[in-house]
Amino acid sequence: MASLLSPIARRSLLGQSILTSAATASHRRTLMTLPSFSLEGKTCLVTGAARGLGKEFLTAFALSGARGACVDLSLQAGQSSVKHITEHISSQSSTPSSYIPELRAYACDVTSEEQVQETWESVVKDFGKVDVVVTAAGIVENFEAENYEYSRWLKMFDVNVNGSFLFAKAAGRHWIDNEIKGNLILVSSMSSIICVRPQKQAAYNASKAAVSLLGRSLATEWGPKGIRVNSLCPGYMKTDLIVNLLAKEGRHIEDGWVKDVPMGRLGRPSELQGTIVWMASDASSYLNGSDIVVDGGYCCW
């Protein structure tokens, strides 16, 4: 049949065939990205993963193929988080139907050295090893310094700083003893390097500054052993906590924050997923001792 067509007609038919084949291949093609961003085969432990940013990070890790340990003060809250994350992932059209993330919940008070050690041992027993640790457990309060109770100051540092250190210590010892090139990500804040306004939060700012310097210190100690340590410093993120705060205090608070953000809005927690996966993956293999600020440009002023 083709031999009966003119040369022009044959070229036209061939062109249509090529376009059809290309369209079919494009339709069948799976989403591609840099292979080093994958977390397949890695076990990631996230503290404070029952809600907020910790939950967002654990979701991102599971979507990237990692196994995950959800550590939080309440076992029930952790189990609920794991259930929600699993259901969310299975509902995504890009998720293979056969993929079920391996996630487990653990109850732990991050300020208790005994509980941290027991939790660490349980996670290692269940998963065999831990490759990535993210310390997302933390608290924030806004009080004038002259009226801030010393007991609350101590609690702020106990959760934000001591809780980060205890898991860092457990992870570092595990990685050094087993010659694992681990990856520690401390969740700090843009408040570690600037004083936000108008809220007064000297205790929170000081605690996050301590977290960031802890990260840089550990990076210098453990870097020669192949262990990377960095800090993620988010800006204003519209977490459930912030949404509830705005509902109580009024929209004017958000308006005050937004005017100092060059991008003109608060961040969505999901917008940190790409950053945390990059920091946890081999794609950031030379990143060490850094504070990664994700704040929409707030700190530029």
C-alpha atoms as a PDB file:
ATOM      1  CA  MET A   1       0.000   0.000   0.000  1.00  0.00           C
ATOM      2  CA  ALA A   2       2.789   2.410   1.005  1.00  0.00           C
ATOM      3  CA  SER A   3       4.574   1.794  -2.310  1.00  0.00           C
ATOM      4  CA  LEU A   4       1.563   3.186  -4.150  1.00  0.00           C
ATOM      5  CA  LEU A   5       1.776   6.497  -2.304  1.00  0.00           C
ATOM      6  CA  SER A   6       3.736   9.472  -3.569  1.00  0.00           C
ATOM      7  CA  PRO A   7       7.023  10.357  -1.752  1.00  0.00           C
ATOM      8  CA  ILE A   8       5.301  13.314  -0.041  1.00  0.00           C
ATOM      9  CA  ALA A   9       2.413  11.158   1.150  1.00  0.00           C
ATOM     10  CA  ARG A  10       4.813   8.494   2.441  1.00  0.00           C
ATOM     11  CA  ARG A  11       6.773  11.114   4.432  1.00  0.00           C
ATOM     12  CA  SER A  12       3.508  12.470   5.871  1.00  0.00           C
ATOM     13  CA  LEU A  13       2.388   8.979   6.940  1.00  0.00           C
ATOM     14  CA  LEU A  14       5.797   8.280   8.497  1.00  0.00           C
ATOM     15  CA  GLY A  15       5.650  11.576  10.408  1.00  0.00           C
ATOM     16  CA  GLN A  16       2.229  10.750  11.822  1.00  0.00           C
ATOM     17  CA  SER A  17       3.482   7.333  12.901  1.00  0.00           C
ATOM     18  CA  ILE A  18       6.478   8.845  14.727  1.00  0.00           C
ATOM     19  CA  LEU A  19       4.265  11.370  16.528  1.00  0.00           C
ATOM     20  CA  THR A  20       1.854   8.632  17.593  1.00  0.00           C
ATOM     21  CA  SER A  21       4.708   6.483  18.937  1.00  0.00           C
ATOM     22  CA  ALA A  22       6.210   9.443  20.810  1.00  0.00           C
ATOM     23  CA  ALA A  23       2.853  10.317  22.354  1.00  0.00           C
ATOM     24  CA  THR A  24       2.362   6.724  23.471  1.00  0.00           C
ATOM     25  CA  ALA A  25       5.861   6.576  24.999  1.00  0.00           C
ATOM     26  CA  SER A  26       5.270   9.875  26.767  1.00  0.00           C
ATOM     27  CA  HIS A  27       1.986   8.605  28.181  1.00  0.00           C
ATOM     28  CA  ARG A  28       3.648   5.463  29.528  1.00  0.00           C
ATOM     29  CA  ARG A  29       6.747   7.196  30.867  1.00  0.00           C
ATOM     30  CA  THR A  30       7.082   7.297  34.663  1.00  0.00           C
ATOM     31  CA  LEU A  31       8.083  10.424  36.550  1.00  0.00           C
ATOM     32  CA  MET A  32      11.853  10.864  36.419  1.00  0.00           C
ATOM     33  CA  THR A  33      14.187  12.687  38.772  1.00  0.00           C
ATOM     34  CA  LEU A  34      17.822  12.614  39.830  1.00  0.00           C
ATOM     35  CA  PRO A  35      18.411   9.105  41.262  1.00  0.00           C
ATOM     36  CA  SER A  36      20.415  10.437  44.213  1.00  0.00           C
ATOM     37  CA  PHE A  37      17.252  12.049  45.607  1.00  0.00           C
ATOM     38  CA  SER A  38      15.794   8.601  46.307  1.00  0.00           C
ATOM     39  CA  LEU A  39      15.675   7.397  49.919  1.00  0.00           C
ATOM     40  CA  GLU A  40      14.949   3.777  49.060  1.00  0.00           C
ATOM     41  CA  GLY A  41      16.734   1.407  51.394  1.00  0.00           C
ATOM     42  CA  LYS A  42      17.167   4.068  54.080  1.00  0.00           C
ATOM     43  CA  THR A  43      15.562   4.209  57.520  1.00  0.00           C
ATOM     44  CA  CYS A  44      14.598   7.674  58.728  1.00  0.00           C
ATOM     45  CA  LEU A  45      13.710   8.543  62.322  1.00  0.00           C
ATOM     46  CA  VAL A  46      11.717  11.714  62.932  1.00  0.00           C
ATOM     47  CA  THR A  47      10.933  13.090  66.385  1.00  0.00           C
ATOM     48  CA  GLY A  48       7.726  15.063  66.849  1.00  0.00           C
ATOM     49  CA  ALA A  49       6.299  13.236  63.839  1.00  0.00           C
ATOM     50  CA  ALA A  50       2.731  12.904  65.101  1.00  0.00           C
ATOM     51  CA  ARG A  51       1.840  16.362  63.845  1.00  0.00           C
ATOM     52  CA  GLY A  52       3.096  19.561  62.250  1.00  0.00           C
ATOM     53  CA  LEU A  53       6.393  19.712  60.419  1.00  0.00           C
ATOM     54  CA  GLY A  54       7.581  16.372  61.794  1.00  0.00           C
ATOM     55  CA  LYS A  55       4.621  14.631  60.218  1.00  0.00           C
ATOM     56  CA  GLU A  56       5.290  16.487  56.970  1.00  0.00           C
ATOM     57  CA  PHE A  57       8.899  15.294  56.966  1.00  0.00           C
ATOM     58  CA  LEU A  58       7.963  11.668  57.632  1.00  0.00           C
ATOM     59  CA  THR A  59       5.440  11.844  54.785  1.00  0.00           C
ATOM     60  CA  ALA A  60       8.103  13.176  52.419  1.00  0.00           C
ATOM     61  CA  PHE A  61      10.497  10.395  53.390  1.00  0.00           C
ATOM     62  CA  ALA A  62       7.861   7.699  52.857  1.00  0.00           C
ATOM     63  CA  LEU A  63       6.985   9.190  49.461  1.00  0.00           C
ATOM     64  CA  SER A  64      10.683   8.953  48.588  1.00  0.00           C
ATOM     65  CA  GLY A  65      10.864   5.250  49.421  1.00  0.00           C
ATOM     66  CA  ALA A  66      12.255   5.320  52.956  1.00  0.00           C
ATOM     67  CA  ARG A  67      11.200   3.302  55.954  1.00  0.00           C
ATOM     68  CA  GLY A  68      10.293   5.501  58.881  1.00  0.00           C
ATOM     69  CA  ALA A  69      10.130   5.708  62.655  1.00  0.00           C
ATOM     70  CA  CYS A  70       7.509   8.113  63.980  1.00  0.00           C
ATOM     71  CA  VAL A  71       8.657   9.231  67.439  1.00  0.00           C
ATOM     72  CA  ASP A  72       6.345  11.315  69.582  1.00  0.00           C
ATOM     73  CA  LEU A  73       5.281  11.798  73.183  1.00  0.00           C
ATOM     74  CA  SER A  74       2.019   9.905  72.627  1.00  0.00           C
ATOM     75  CA  LEU A  75       1.994   6.427  71.066  1.00  0.00           C
ATOM     76  CA  GLN A  76      -1.643   6.850  70.077  1.00  0.00           C
ATOM     77  CA  ALA A  77      -0.892  10.123  68.302  1.00  0.00           C
ATOM     78  CA  GLY A  78       2.056   8.494  66.550  1.00  0.00           C
ATOM     79  CA  GLN A  79      -0.037   5.557  65.382  1.00  0.00           C
ATOM     80  CA  SER A  80      -2.699   7.941  64.094  1.00  0.00           C
ATOM     81  CA  SER A  81      -0.019   9.842  62.175  1.00  0.00           C
ATOM     82  CA  VAL A  82       1.325   6.628  60.630  1.00  0.00           C
ATOM     83  CA  LYS A  83      -2.186   5.593  59.589  1.00  0.00           C
ATOM     84  CA  HIS A  84      -2.901   8.979  58.021  1.00  0.00           C
ATOM     85  CA  ILE A  85       0.414   9.084  56.158  1.00  0.00           C
ATOM     86  CA  THR A  86      -0.101   5.558  54.800  1.00  0.00           C
ATOM     87  CA  GLU A  87      -3.608   6.389  53.581  1.00  0.00           C
ATOM     88  CA  HIS A  88      -2.417   9.643  52.039  1.00  0.00           C
ATOM     89  CA  ILE A  89       0.356   7.921  50.105  1.00  0.00           C
ATOM     90  CA  SER A  90      -1.903   5.147  48.838  1.00  0.00           C
ATOM     91  CA  SER A  91      -4.317   7.787  47.504  1.00  0.00           C
ATOM     92  CA  GLN A  92      -1.660   9.435  45.328  1.00  0.00           C
ATOM     93  CA  SER A  93      -1.954   8.622  41.626  1.00  0.00           C
ATOM     94  CA  SER A  94       1.838   8.605  41.302  1.00  0.00           C
ATOM     95  CA  THR A  95       2.239   5.903  43.976  1.00  0.00           C
ATOM     96  CA  PRO A  96       2.660   2.328  42.652  1.00  0.00           C
ATOM     97  CA  SER A  97      -0.313   0.212  43.731  1.00  0.00           C
ATOM     98  CA  SER A  98       2.030  -2.344  45.316  1.00  0.00           C
ATOM     99  CA  TYR A  99       3.841   0.200  47.512  1.00  0.00           C
ATOM    100  CA  ILE A 100       2.962   0.277  51.202  1.00  0.00           C
ATOM    101  CA  PRO A 101       5.337   2.415  53.291  1.00  0.00           C
ATOM    102  CA  GLU A 102       6.928   0.697  56.287  1.00  0.00           C
ATOM    103  CA  LEU A 103       6.262   3.061  59.173  1.00  0.00           C
ATOM    104  CA  ARG A 104       6.246   2.413  62.927  1.00  0.00           C
ATOM    105  CA  ALA A 105       5.258   4.582  65.877  1.00  0.00           C
ATOM    106  CA  TYR A 106       7.207   4.937  69.123  1.00  0.00           C
ATOM    107  CA  ALA A 107       6.327   6.810  72.326  1.00  0.00           C
ATOM    108  CA  CYS A 108       9.171   8.845  73.784  1.00  0.00           C
ATOM    109  CA  ASP A 109       9.751  11.886  75.950  1.00  0.00           C
ATOM    110  CA  VAL A 110      12.716  13.451  74.145  1.00  0.00           C
ATOM    111  CA  THR A 111      13.863  15.120  77.373  1.00  0.00           C
ATOM    112  CA  SER A 112      14.402  11.763  79.087  1.00  0.00           C
ATOM    113  CA  GLU A 113      17.802  10.215  78.409  1.00  0.00           C
ATOM    114  CA  GLU A 114      16.497   6.812  79.498  1.00  0.00           C
ATOM    115  CA  GLN A 115      13.480   6.941  77.179  1.00  0.00           C
ATOM    116  CA  VAL A 116      15.556   8.195  74.262  1.00  0.00           C
ATOM    117  CA  GLN A 117      18.001   5.303  74.667  1.00  0.00           C
ATOM    118  CA  GLU A 118      15.197   2.741  74.990  1.00  0.00           C
ATOM    119  CA  THR A 119      13.432   4.151  71.931  1.00  0.00           C
ATOM    120  CA  TRP A 120      16.642   4.160  69.927  1.00  0.00           C
ATOM    121  CA  GLU A 121      17.298   0.520  70.760  1.00  0.00           C
ATOM    122  CA  SER A 122      13.727  -0.406  69.778  1.00  0.00           C
ATOM    123  CA  VAL A 123      14.008   1.352  66.418  1.00  0.00           C
ATOM    124  CA  VAL A 124      17.344  -0.314  65.627  1.00  0.00           C
ATOM    125  CA  LYS A 125      15.927  -3.693  66.660  1.00  0.00           C
ATOM    126  CA  ASP A 126      12.898  -3.221  64.382  1.00  0.00           C
ATOM    127  CA  PHE A 127      14.686  -1.764  61.360  1.00  0.00           C
ATOM    128  CA  GLY A 128      18.244  -3.057  61.726  1.00  0.00           C
ATOM    129  CA  LYS A 129      19.795   0.402  61.529  1.00  0.00           C
ATOM    130  CA  VAL A 130      18.996   4.103  61.242  1.00  0.00           C
ATOM    131  CA  ASP A 131      20.390   6.221  58.401  1.00  0.00           C
ATOM    132  CA  VAL A 132      18.736   9.602  58.909  1.00  0.00           C
ATOM    133  CA  VAL A 133      17.565  11.378  62.062  1.00  0.00           C
ATOM    134  CA  VAL A 134      15.428  14.525  62.068  1.00  0.00           C
ATOM    135  CA  THR A 135      14.783  16.266  65.397  1.00  0.00           C
ATOM    136  CA  ALA A 136      11.473  18.017  64.785  1.00  0.00           C
ATOM    137  CA  ALA A 137      10.131  17.808  68.356  1.00  0.00           C
ATOM    138  CA  GLY A 138       9.959  21.312  69.777  1.00  0.00           C
ATOM    139  CA  ILE A 139       7.859  23.953  71.504  1.00  0.00           C
ATOM    140  CA  VAL A 140       7.405  27.709  71.135  1.00  0.00           C
ATOM    141  CA  GLU A 141       6.071  30.379  73.495  1.00  0.00           C
ATOM    142  CA  ASN A 142       5.750  34.133  73.190  1.00  0.00           C
ATOM    143  CA  PHE A 143       6.348  36.049  76.419  1.00  0.00           C
ATOM    144  CA  GLU A 144       8.117  39.233  77.438  1.00  0.00           C
ATOM    145  CA  ALA A 145      11.478  38.249  78.915  1.00  0.00           C
ATOM    146  CA  GLU A 146      10.874  40.205  82.136  1.00  0.00           C
ATOM    147  CA  ASN A 147       7.684  38.230  82.763  1.00  0.00           C
ATOM    148  CA  TYR A 148       8.880  34.803  81.640  1.00  0.00           C
ATOM    149  CA  GLU A 149       8.949  32.213  84.383  1.00  0.00           C
ATOM    150  CA  TYR A 150      12.307  30.533  84.818  1.00  0.00           C
ATOM    151  CA  SER A 151      10.658  27.096  84.947  1.00  0.00           C
ATOM    152  CA  ARG A 152       9.221  27.699  81.469  1.00  0.00           C
ATOM    153  CA  TRP A 153      12.651  28.841  80.238  1.00  0.00           C
ATOM    154  CA  LEU A 154      14.122  25.564  81.470  1.00  0.00           C
ATOM    155  CA  LYS A 155      11.368  23.547  79.752  1.00  0.00           C
ATOM    156  CA  MET A 156      11.946  25.409  76.475  1.00  0.00           C
ATOM    157  CA  PHE A 157      15.617  24.463  76.508  1.00  0.00           C
ATOM    158  CA  ASP A 158      14.888  20.969  77.756  1.00  0.00           C
ATOM    159  CA  VAL A 159      12.647  20.140  74.792  1.00  0.00           C
ATOM    160  CA  ASN A 160      14.281  22.145  72.015  1.00  0.00           C
ATOM    161  CA  VAL A 161      17.967  21.792  72.895  1.00  0.00           C
ATOM    162  CA  ASN A 162      18.335  18.809  75.205  1.00  0.00           C
ATOM    163  CA  GLY A 163      15.848  16.744  73.217  1.00  0.00           C
ATOM    164  CA  SER A 164      17.819  17.410  70.049  1.00  0.00           C
ATOM    165  CA  PHE A 165      21.120  16.613  71.745  1.00  0.00           C
ATOM    166  CA  LEU A 166      19.942  13.316  73.260  1.00  0.00           C
ATOM    167  CA  PHE A 167      18.832  11.937  69.893  1.00  0.00           C
ATOM    168  CA  ALA A 168      21.946  13.356  68.228  1.00  0.00           C
ATOM    169  CA  LYS A 169      24.094  11.597  70.820  1.00  0.00           C
ATOM    170  CA  ALA A 170      22.284   8.262  70.354  1.00  0.00           C
ATOM    171  CA  ALA A 171      22.548   8.559  66.581  1.00  0.00           C
ATOM    172  CA  GLY A 172      26.208   9.582  66.601  1.00  0.00           C
ATOM    173  CA  ARG A 173      27.211   6.695  68.819  1.00  0.00           C
ATOM    174  CA  HIS A 174      25.254   4.235  66.637  1.00  0.00           C
ATOM    175  CA  TRP A 175      26.832   5.549  63.447  1.00  0.00           C
ATOM    176  CA  ILE A 176      30.377   5.701  64.803  1.00  0.00           C
ATOM    177  CA  ASP A 177      30.243   2.232  66.403  1.00  0.00           C
ATOM    178  CA  ASN A 178      28.830   0.669  63.232  1.00  0.00           C
ATOM    179  CA  GLU A 179      30.813   2.786  60.744  1.00  0.00           C
ATOM    180  CA  ILE A 180      27.624   4.139  59.195  1.00  0.00           C
ATOM    181  CA  LYS A 181      27.738   7.401  57.271  1.00  0.00           C
ATOM    182  CA  GLY A 182      24.677   8.802  58.973  1.00  0.00           C
ATOM    183  CA  ASN A 183      22.823  12.032  58.390  1.00  0.00           C
ATOM    184  CA  LEU A 184      21.513  14.234  61.218  1.00  0.00           C
ATOM    185  CA  ILE A 185      19.124  17.088  60.502  1.00  0.00           C
ATOM    186  CA  LEU A 186      18.300  19.362  63.418  1.00  0.00           C
ATOM    187  CA  VAL A 187      15.136  21.405  63.007  1.00  0.00           C
ATOM    188  CA  SER A 188      16.047  24.924  64.001  1.00  0.00           C
ATOM    189  CA  SER A 189      14.358  28.149  62.860  1.00  0.00           C
ATOM    190  CA  MET A 190      15.012  31.433  61.140  1.00  0.00           C
ATOM    191  CA  SER A 191      14.681  32.703  64.724  1.00  0.00           C
ATOM    192  CA  SER A 192      18.120  31.233  65.363  1.00  0.00           C
ATOM    193  CA  ILE A 193      19.682  34.049  63.346  1.00  0.00           C
ATOM    194  CA  ILE A 194      17.212  36.961  63.620  1.00  0.00           C
ATOM    195  CA  CYS A 195      14.667  38.365  66.058  1.00  0.00           C
ATOM    196  CA  VAL A 196      11.201  38.173  64.517  1.00  0.00           C
ATOM    197  CA  ARG A 197       8.516  40.735  65.212  1.00  0.00           C
ATOM    198  CA  PRO A 198       6.206  41.728  66.785  1.00  0.00           C
ATOM    199  CA  GLN A 199       6.037  38.719  69.159  1.00  0.00           C
ATOM    200  CA  LYS A 200       8.521  38.594  72.019  1.00  0.00           C
ATOM    201  CA  GLN A 201      10.196  35.197  72.269  1.00  0.00           C
ATOM    202  CA  ALA A 202      13.702  35.536  73.693  1.00  0.00           C
ATOM    203  CA  ALA A 203      13.646  31.998  75.117  1.00  0.00           C
ATOM    204  CA  TYR A 204      12.606  30.398  71.830  1.00  0.00           C
ATOM    205  CA  ASN A 205      15.118  32.418  69.818  1.00  0.00           C
ATOM    206  CA  ALA A 206      17.931  31.518  72.193  1.00  0.00           C
ATOM    207  CA  SER A 207      16.994  27.813  72.169  1.00  0.00           C
ATOM    208  CA  LYS A 208      16.998  27.650  68.383  1.00  0.00           C
ATOM    209  CA  ALA A 209      20.305  29.514  68.196  1.00  0.00           C
ATOM    210  CA  ALA A 210      21.692  26.819  70.491  1.00  0.00           C
ATOM    211  CA  VAL A 211      20.289  24.102  68.221  1.00  0.00           C
ATOM    212  CA  SER A 212      21.961  25.598  65.141  1.00  0.00           C
ATOM    213  CA  LEU A 213      25.337  25.960  66.847  1.00  0.00           C
ATOM    214  CA  LEU A 214      25.004  22.421  68.187  1.00  0.00           C
ATOM    215  CA  GLY A 215      24.567  21.289  64.586  1.00  0.00           C
ATOM    216  CA  ARG A 216      27.654  23.117  63.357  1.00  0.00           C
ATOM    217  CA  SER A 217      29.681  21.786  66.285  1.00  0.00           C
ATOM    218  CA  LEU A 218      28.664  18.182  65.621  1.00  0.00           C
ATOM    219  CA  ALA A 219      29.389  18.668  61.924  1.00  0.00           C
ATOM    220  CA  THR A 220      33.012  19.480  62.729  1.00  0.00           C
ATOM    221  CA  GLU A 221      33.345  16.551  65.142  1.00  0.00           C
ATOM    222  CA  TRP A 222      31.659  13.889  63.041  1.00  0.00           C
ATOM    223  CA  GLY A 223      32.405  15.102  59.521  1.00  0.00           C
ATOM    224  CA  PRO A 224      35.760  13.240  59.413  1.00  0.00           C
ATOM    225  CA  LYS A 225      33.825  10.032  60.134  1.00  0.00           C
ATOM    226  CA  GLY A 226      31.537  10.542  57.144  1.00  0.00           C
ATOM    227  CA  ILE A 227      28.586  11.722  59.239  1.00  0.00           C
ATOM    228  CA  ARG A 228      26.805  14.837  58.022  1.00  0.00           C
ATOM    229  CA  VAL A 229      25.004  17.279  60.328  1.00  0.00           C
ATOM    230  CA  ASN A 230      22.911  20.226  59.155  1.00  0.00           C
ATOM    231  CA  SER A 231      20.058  22.388  60.423  1.00  0.00           C
ATOM    232  CA  LEU A 232      16.802  23.223  58.671  1.00  0.00           C
ATOM    233  CA  CYS A 233      15.609  26.728  59.558  1.00  0.00           C
ATOM    234  CA  PRO A 234      11.991  27.303  58.493  1.00  0.00           C
ATOM    235  CA  GLY A 235      10.339  30.700  58.430  1.00  0.00           C
ATOM    236  CA  TYR A 236       6.647  31.280  59.055  1.00  0.00           C
ATOM    237  CA  MET A 237       4.838  28.070  58.115  1.00  0.00           C
ATOM    238  CA  LYS A 238       1.062  27.772  58.202  1.00  0.00           C
ATOM    239  CA  THR A 239       0.948  24.688  60.404  1.00  0.00           C
ATOM    240  CA  ASP A 240      -2.158  23.611  62.327  1.00  0.00           C
ATOM    241  CA  LEU A 241      -0.677  25.361  65.361  1.00  0.00           C
ATOM    242  CA  ILE A 242      -0.448  28.660  63.484  1.00  0.00           C
ATOM    243  CA  VAL A 243      -3.913  28.231  61.965  1.00  0.00           C
ATOM    244  CA  ASN A 244      -5.392  27.754  65.450  1.00  0.00           C
ATOM    245  CA  LEU A 245      -3.441  30.733  66.749  1.00  0.00           C
ATOM    246  CA  LEU A 246      -4.741  32.969  63.973  1.00  0.00           C
ATOM    247  CA  ALA A 247      -8.299  31.771  64.603  1.00  0.00           C
ATOM    248  CA  LYS A 248      -7.993  32.869  68.230  1.00  0.00           C
ATOM    249  CA  GLU A 249      -5.939  36.044  67.870  1.00  0.00           C
ATOM    250  CA  GLY A 250      -7.164  37.383  64.531  1.00  0.00           C
ATOM    251  CA  ARG A 251      -6.033  37.712  60.925  1.00  0.00           C
ATOM    252  CA  HIS A 252      -4.139  40.925  61.680  1.00  0.00           C
ATOM    253  CA  ILE A 253      -1.275  38.830  63.093  1.00  0.00           C
ATOM    254  CA  GLU A 254      -0.783  37.043  59.784  1.00  0.00           C
ATOM    255  CA  ASP A 255      -0.997  40.358  57.926  1.00  0.00           C
ATOM    256  CA  GLY A 256       1.783  41.716  60.131  1.00  0.00           C
ATOM    257  CA  TRP A 257       4.025  38.752  59.375  1.00  0.00           C
ATOM    258  CA  VAL A 258       3.286  38.682  55.660  1.00  0.00           C
ATOM    259  CA  LYS A 259       4.281  42.307  55.101  1.00  0.00           C
ATOM    260  CA  ASP A 260       7.851  41.335  56.028  1.00  0.00           C
ATOM    261  CA  VAL A 261       7.954  38.303  53.723  1.00  0.00           C
ATOM    262  CA  PRO A 262       9.111  39.252  50.203  1.00  0.00           C
ATOM    263  CA  MET A 263       7.016  36.442  48.716  1.00  0.00           C
ATOM    264  CA  GLY A 264       3.958  37.991  50.330  1.00  0.00           C
ATOM    265  CA  ARG A 265       2.585  34.911  52.096  1.00  0.00           C
ATOM    266  CA  LEU A 266       3.257  32.326  54.765  1.00  0.00           C
ATOM    267  CA  GLY A 267       4.797  29.033  53.713  1.00  0.00           C
ATOM    268  CA  ARG A 268       2.848  25.806  53.388  1.00  0.00           C
ATOM    269  CA  PRO A 269       4.326  22.933  55.444  1.00  0.00           C
ATOM    270  CA  SER A 270       4.373  20.770  52.314  1.00  0.00           C
ATOM    271  CA  GLU A 271       6.792  23.256  50.749  1.00  0.00           C
ATOM    272  CA  LEU A 272       9.489  21.928  53.078  1.00  0.00           C
ATOM    273  CA  GLN A 273       9.188  18.381  51.728  1.00  0.00           C
ATOM    274  CA  GLY A 274      11.582  18.905  48.839  1.00  0.00           C
ATOM    275  CA  THR A 275      14.165  20.573  51.060  1.00  0.00           C
ATOM    276  CA  ILE A 276      14.113  17.879  53.739  1.00  0.00           C
ATOM    277  CA  VAL A 277      14.382  15.076  51.161  1.00  0.00           C
ATOM    278  CA  TRP A 278      17.327  16.824  49.512  1.00  0.00           C
ATOM    279  CA  MET A 279      19.049  17.263  52.879  1.00  0.00           C
ATOM    280  CA  ALA A 280      18.412  13.616  53.834  1.00  0.00           C
ATOM    281  CA  SER A 281      19.444  12.157  50.491  1.00  0.00           C
ATOM    282  CA  ASP A 282      22.749  11.596  48.742  1.00  0.00           C
ATOM    283  CA  ALA A 283      21.877  14.530  46.485  1.00  0.00           C
ATOM    284  CA  SER A 284      23.302  16.780  49.232  1.00  0.00           C
ATOM    285  CA  SER A 285      26.375  14.626  49.832  1.00  0.00           C
ATOM    286  CA  TYR A 286      28.726  17.616  50.404  1.00  0.00           C
ATOM    287  CA  LEU A 287      26.324  19.576  52.603  1.00  0.00           C
ATOM    288  CA  ASN A 288      27.671  19.678  56.157  1.00  0.00           C
ATOM    289  CA  GLY A 289      27.492  22.204  58.998  1.00  0.00           C
ATOM    290  CA  SER A 290      24.963  24.384  57.181  1.00  0.00           C
ATOM    291  CA  ASP A 291      21.819  26.238  58.248  1.00  0.00           C
ATOM    292  CA  ILE A 292      19.314  25.884  55.413  1.00  0.00           C
ATOM    293  CA  VAL A 293      16.884  28.785  55.705  1.00  0.00           C
ATOM    294  CA  VAL A 294      13.481  28.399  54.000  1.00  0.00           C
ATOM    295  CA  ASP A 295      11.585  31.568  54.833  1.00  0.00           C
ATOM    296  CA  GLY A 296      10.272  33.146  51.636  1.00  0.00           C
ATOM    297  CA  GLY A 297      12.998  35.785  51.951  1.00  0.00           C
ATOM    298  CA  TYR A 298      12.087  37.081  55.426  1.00  0.00           C
ATOM    299  CA  CYS A 299      15.720  37.134  56.593  1.00  0.00           C
ATOM    300  CA  CYS A 300      16.816  39.230  53.618  1.00  0.00           C
ATOM    301  CA  TRP A 301      15.607  42.501  55.086  1.00  0.00           C
END
